[in-house]
């Protein structure tokens, strides 16, 4: 009975482990981004060009406010990371 209750409680607060995941893995995941990148943005007519020079990635967004998420998404996809493992510092190229 108590084992089922503990499992239910873990699931309710998001502490369920993934196969092979240790408590240290969960703690490290909660600490924040692990990879940091500088990103440059330049206004190009009606869009913004988002560049990640370290990885030679380029994305295009319509709004400047979307630049950070677009860069993080491209980096995470390229490196096989979760989105919460990527942090960017946006630098205006103009």
N, C-alpha and C. Protein backbone atom coordinates (compact mmCIF):
# COMPACT_ATOMS: atom_id res chain seq x y z
N UNK A 1 0.81 -1.19 0.00
CA UNK A 1 0.00 0.00 0.00
C UNK A 1 0.86 1.26 0.00
N UNK A 2 1.88 1.31 0.86
CA UNK A 2 2.71 2.51 0.92
C UNK A 2 3.56 2.70 -0.32
N UNK A 3 4.01 1.58 -0.94
CA UNK A 3 4.80 1.70 -2.17
C UNK A 3 3.97 2.37 -3.26
N UNK A 4 2.71 2.00 -3.36
CA UNK A 4 1.83 2.62 -4.35
C UNK A 4 1.61 4.09 -4.05
N UNK A 5 1.49 4.43 -2.78
CA UNK A 5 1.31 5.82 -2.38
C UNK A 5 2.55 6.65 -2.70
N UNK A 6 3.74 6.09 -2.44
CA UNK A 6 4.98 6.81 -2.77
C UNK A 6 5.08 7.04 -4.27
N UNK A 7 4.74 6.00 -5.07
CA UNK A 7 4.79 6.13 -6.52
C UNK A 7 3.83 7.23 -6.98
N UNK A 8 2.62 7.24 -6.41
CA UNK A 8 1.63 8.25 -6.77
C UNK A 8 2.15 9.64 -6.43
N UNK A 9 2.74 9.80 -5.25
CA UNK A 9 3.26 11.10 -4.81
C UNK A 9 4.39 11.56 -5.72
N UNK A 10 5.30 10.66 -6.09
CA UNK A 10 6.41 11.02 -6.99
C UNK A 10 5.86 11.50 -8.32
N UNK A 11 4.88 10.78 -8.86
CA UNK A 11 4.30 11.16 -10.15
C UNK A 11 3.62 12.52 -10.08
N UNK A 12 2.96 12.83 -8.98
CA UNK A 12 2.25 14.09 -8.83
C UNK A 12 3.19 15.29 -8.80
N UNK A 13 4.37 15.14 -8.26
CA UNK A 13 5.29 16.28 -8.16
C UNK A 13 6.40 16.21 -9.19
N UNK A 14 6.30 15.29 -10.15
CA UNK A 14 7.27 15.23 -11.24
C UNK A 14 8.61 14.65 -10.86
N UNK A 15 8.66 13.79 -9.88
CA UNK A 15 9.93 13.20 -9.47
C UNK A 15 10.14 11.80 -10.02
N UNK A 16 9.32 11.40 -10.95
CA UNK A 16 9.43 10.05 -11.51
C UNK A 16 10.76 9.94 -12.27
N UNK A 17 11.46 8.86 -12.03
CA UNK A 17 12.76 8.64 -12.67
C UNK A 17 12.58 8.06 -14.06
N UNK A 18 13.51 8.38 -14.92
CA UNK A 18 13.59 7.72 -16.22
C UNK A 18 14.46 6.49 -16.04
N UNK A 19 14.31 5.49 -16.90
CA UNK A 19 15.16 4.31 -16.77
C UNK A 19 16.64 4.70 -16.81
N UNK A 20 17.40 4.23 -15.84
CA UNK A 20 18.83 4.51 -15.78
C UNK A 20 19.18 5.85 -15.17
N UNK A 21 18.19 6.64 -14.82
CA UNK A 21 18.45 7.97 -14.26
C UNK A 21 18.68 7.86 -12.76
N UNK A 22 19.69 8.55 -12.29
CA UNK A 22 19.98 8.56 -10.86
C UNK A 22 19.45 9.84 -10.24
N UNK A 23 19.45 9.89 -8.92
CA UNK A 23 19.00 11.11 -8.25
C UNK A 23 19.91 12.28 -8.59
N UNK A 24 21.20 12.01 -8.81
CA UNK A 24 22.14 13.06 -9.21
C UNK A 24 21.76 13.64 -10.56
N UNK A 25 21.35 12.78 -11.50
CA UNK A 25 20.90 13.26 -12.81
C UNK A 25 19.73 14.21 -12.68
N UNK A 26 18.77 13.86 -11.82
CA UNK A 26 17.60 14.73 -11.62
C UNK A 26 18.00 16.07 -11.02
N UNK A 27 18.91 16.03 -10.07
CA UNK A 27 19.36 17.28 -9.42
C UNK A 27 20.09 18.16 -10.43
N UNK A 28 20.99 17.58 -11.22
CA UNK A 28 21.72 18.36 -12.22
C UNK A 28 20.78 18.95 -13.25
N UNK A 29 19.75 18.22 -13.63
CA UNK A 29 18.79 18.73 -14.61
C UNK A 29 18.04 19.94 -14.06
N UNK A 30 17.85 20.01 -12.76
CA UNK A 30 17.13 21.12 -12.15
C UNK A 30 18.01 22.34 -11.93
N UNK A 31 19.31 22.19 -12.04
CA UNK A 31 20.22 23.30 -11.77
C UNK A 31 20.22 24.35 -12.86
N UNK A 32 19.80 23.98 -14.06
CA UNK A 32 19.73 24.96 -15.12
C UNK A 32 20.55 24.56 -16.33
N UNK A 33 20.69 25.49 -17.27
CA UNK A 33 21.37 25.21 -18.53
C UNK A 33 22.80 24.72 -18.33
N UNK A 34 23.21 23.82 -19.21
CA UNK A 34 24.57 23.30 -19.12
C UNK A 34 25.44 23.79 -20.27
N UNK A 35 24.85 24.19 -21.36
CA UNK A 35 25.61 24.67 -22.52
C UNK A 35 25.23 26.11 -22.79
N UNK A 36 26.24 26.99 -22.90
CA UNK A 36 25.98 28.41 -23.16
C UNK A 36 26.61 28.82 -24.49
N UNK A 37 25.87 29.60 -25.26
CA UNK A 37 26.34 30.04 -26.57
C UNK A 37 26.03 31.52 -26.76
N UNK A 38 26.92 32.21 -27.47
CA UNK A 38 26.66 33.58 -27.91
C UNK A 38 25.92 33.49 -29.24
N UNK A 39 24.91 34.32 -29.38
CA UNK A 39 24.08 34.34 -30.58
C UNK A 39 24.03 35.77 -31.08
N UNK A 40 24.17 35.96 -32.37
CA UNK A 40 24.05 37.31 -32.94
C UNK A 40 22.76 37.40 -33.74
N UNK A 41 22.15 38.57 -33.70
CA UNK A 41 20.95 38.79 -34.51
C UNK A 41 21.13 40.07 -35.30
N UNK A 42 20.62 40.04 -36.52
CA UNK A 42 20.66 41.21 -37.39
C UNK A 42 19.32 41.36 -38.08
N UNK A 43 18.86 42.59 -38.14
CA UNK A 43 17.60 42.87 -38.82
C UNK A 43 17.84 42.82 -40.32
N UNK A 44 16.99 42.08 -41.03
CA UNK A 44 17.14 41.92 -42.48
C UNK A 44 15.78 42.12 -43.14
N UNK A 45 15.46 43.38 -43.40
CA UNK A 45 14.15 43.68 -43.98
C UNK A 45 13.05 43.44 -42.97
N UNK A 46 12.17 42.47 -43.28
CA UNK A 46 11.04 42.18 -42.40
C UNK A 46 11.35 41.08 -41.39
N UNK A 47 12.53 40.50 -41.45
CA UNK A 47 12.86 39.39 -40.55
C UNK A 47 14.17 39.66 -39.82
N UNK A 48 14.47 38.79 -38.88
CA UNK A 48 15.72 38.83 -38.13
C UNK A 48 16.50 37.57 -38.44
N UNK A 49 17.79 37.73 -38.68
CA UNK A 49 18.67 36.58 -38.90
C UNK A 49 19.35 36.26 -37.58
N UNK A 50 19.18 35.04 -37.13
CA UNK A 50 19.74 34.57 -35.86
C UNK A 50 20.89 33.64 -36.20
N UNK A 51 22.10 33.96 -35.74
CA UNK A 51 23.28 33.14 -36.06
C UNK A 51 23.94 32.64 -34.79
N UNK A 52 24.35 31.37 -34.84
CA UNK A 52 25.11 30.76 -33.75
C UNK A 52 26.48 30.43 -34.34
N UNK A 53 27.44 31.37 -34.26
CA UNK A 53 28.73 31.21 -34.92
C UNK A 53 29.49 29.94 -34.50
N UNK A 54 29.43 29.58 -33.23
CA UNK A 54 30.18 28.41 -32.77
C UNK A 54 29.76 27.12 -33.46
N UNK A 55 28.51 27.04 -33.88
CA UNK A 55 28.01 25.82 -34.51
C UNK A 55 27.67 26.02 -35.98
N UNK A 56 27.91 27.21 -36.49
CA UNK A 56 27.60 27.56 -37.88
C UNK A 56 26.12 27.30 -38.19
N UNK A 57 25.25 27.72 -37.27
CA UNK A 57 23.81 27.59 -37.46
C UNK A 57 23.20 28.95 -37.74
N UNK A 58 22.18 28.96 -38.57
CA UNK A 58 21.47 30.20 -38.88
C UNK A 58 19.97 29.90 -38.88
N UNK A 59 19.21 30.81 -38.31
CA UNK A 59 17.74 30.71 -38.33
C UNK A 59 17.20 32.09 -38.67
N UNK A 60 15.96 32.13 -39.09
CA UNK A 60 15.31 33.39 -39.44
C UNK A 60 13.98 33.46 -38.70
N UNK A 61 13.75 34.59 -38.04
CA UNK A 61 12.49 34.78 -37.30
C UNK A 61 11.86 36.10 -37.70
N UNK A 62 10.56 36.19 -37.53
CA UNK A 62 9.85 37.41 -37.89
C UNK A 62 9.93 38.48 -36.81
N UNK A 63 9.99 38.04 -35.55
CA UNK A 63 10.03 39.00 -34.44
C UNK A 63 11.32 38.83 -33.66
N UNK A 64 11.89 39.93 -33.21
CA UNK A 64 13.13 39.87 -32.44
C UNK A 64 12.95 39.07 -31.17
N UNK A 65 11.77 39.16 -30.58
CA UNK A 65 11.49 38.43 -29.34
C UNK A 65 11.59 36.91 -29.50
N UNK A 66 11.48 36.42 -30.73
CA UNK A 66 11.55 34.98 -30.98
C UNK A 66 12.98 34.48 -31.20
N UNK A 67 13.96 35.38 -31.22
CA UNK A 67 15.34 35.01 -31.54
C UNK A 67 15.94 34.04 -30.53
N UNK A 68 15.74 34.29 -29.25
CA UNK A 68 16.34 33.43 -28.22
C UNK A 68 15.81 32.00 -28.32
N UNK A 69 14.50 31.85 -28.42
CA UNK A 69 13.92 30.51 -28.49
C UNK A 69 14.33 29.79 -29.77
N UNK A 70 14.38 30.52 -30.89
CA UNK A 70 14.81 29.91 -32.15
C UNK A 70 16.24 29.41 -32.05
N UNK A 71 17.11 30.21 -31.45
CA UNK A 71 18.51 29.80 -31.29
C UNK A 71 18.63 28.60 -30.37
N UNK A 72 17.95 28.63 -29.24
CA UNK A 72 18.01 27.51 -28.29
C UNK A 72 17.47 26.23 -28.93
N UNK A 73 16.40 26.35 -29.69
CA UNK A 73 15.81 25.18 -30.35
C UNK A 73 16.77 24.60 -31.38
N UNK A 74 17.39 25.46 -32.19
CA UNK A 74 18.35 24.98 -33.20
C UNK A 74 19.56 24.31 -32.55
N UNK A 75 20.07 24.91 -31.48
CA UNK A 75 21.24 24.35 -30.79
C UNK A 75 20.88 23.00 -30.16
N UNK A 76 19.75 22.94 -29.48
CA UNK A 76 19.33 21.69 -28.83
C UNK A 76 19.16 20.58 -29.86
N UNK A 77 18.56 20.91 -30.98
CA UNK A 77 18.36 19.93 -32.04
C UNK A 77 19.69 19.45 -32.62
N UNK A 78 20.58 20.38 -32.87
CA UNK A 78 21.89 20.05 -33.45
C UNK A 78 22.73 19.18 -32.52
N UNK A 79 22.68 19.46 -31.23
CA UNK A 79 23.54 18.76 -30.27
C UNK A 79 22.84 17.61 -29.54
N UNK A 80 21.56 17.43 -29.81
CA UNK A 80 20.83 16.35 -29.15
C UNK A 80 20.59 16.60 -27.68
N UNK A 81 20.39 17.87 -27.32
CA UNK A 81 20.15 18.25 -25.93
C UNK A 81 18.69 18.60 -25.73
N UNK A 82 18.27 18.62 -24.47
CA UNK A 82 16.95 19.14 -24.14
C UNK A 82 17.02 20.67 -24.20
N UNK A 83 15.91 21.28 -24.46
CA UNK A 83 15.85 22.74 -24.56
C UNK A 83 16.29 23.41 -23.27
N UNK A 84 15.99 22.80 -22.13
CA UNK A 84 16.37 23.41 -20.85
C UNK A 84 17.85 23.24 -20.53
N UNK A 85 18.59 22.55 -21.39
CA UNK A 85 20.03 22.39 -21.20
C UNK A 85 20.83 23.41 -22.00
N UNK A 86 20.14 24.31 -22.69
CA UNK A 86 20.81 25.29 -23.56
C UNK A 86 20.49 26.70 -23.10
N UNK A 87 21.53 27.52 -23.00
CA UNK A 87 21.37 28.93 -22.66
C UNK A 87 22.06 29.75 -23.73
N UNK A 88 21.46 30.87 -24.10
CA UNK A 88 22.08 31.73 -25.11
C UNK A 88 22.19 33.16 -24.59
N UNK A 89 23.19 33.85 -25.09
CA UNK A 89 23.38 35.27 -24.81
C UNK A 89 23.23 35.98 -26.15
N UNK A 90 22.16 36.73 -26.31
CA UNK A 90 21.84 37.36 -27.59
C UNK A 90 22.57 38.69 -27.71
N UNK A 91 23.33 38.84 -28.80
CA UNK A 91 24.09 40.06 -29.08
C UNK A 91 23.53 40.69 -30.35
N UNK A 92 23.19 41.97 -30.31
CA UNK A 92 22.72 42.66 -31.51
C UNK A 92 23.88 42.85 -32.46
N UNK A 93 23.67 42.44 -33.71
CA UNK A 93 24.71 42.58 -34.72
C UNK A 93 24.63 43.89 -35.47
N UNK A 94 23.52 44.61 -35.30
CA UNK A 94 23.35 45.90 -36.01
C UNK A 94 24.22 46.97 -35.43
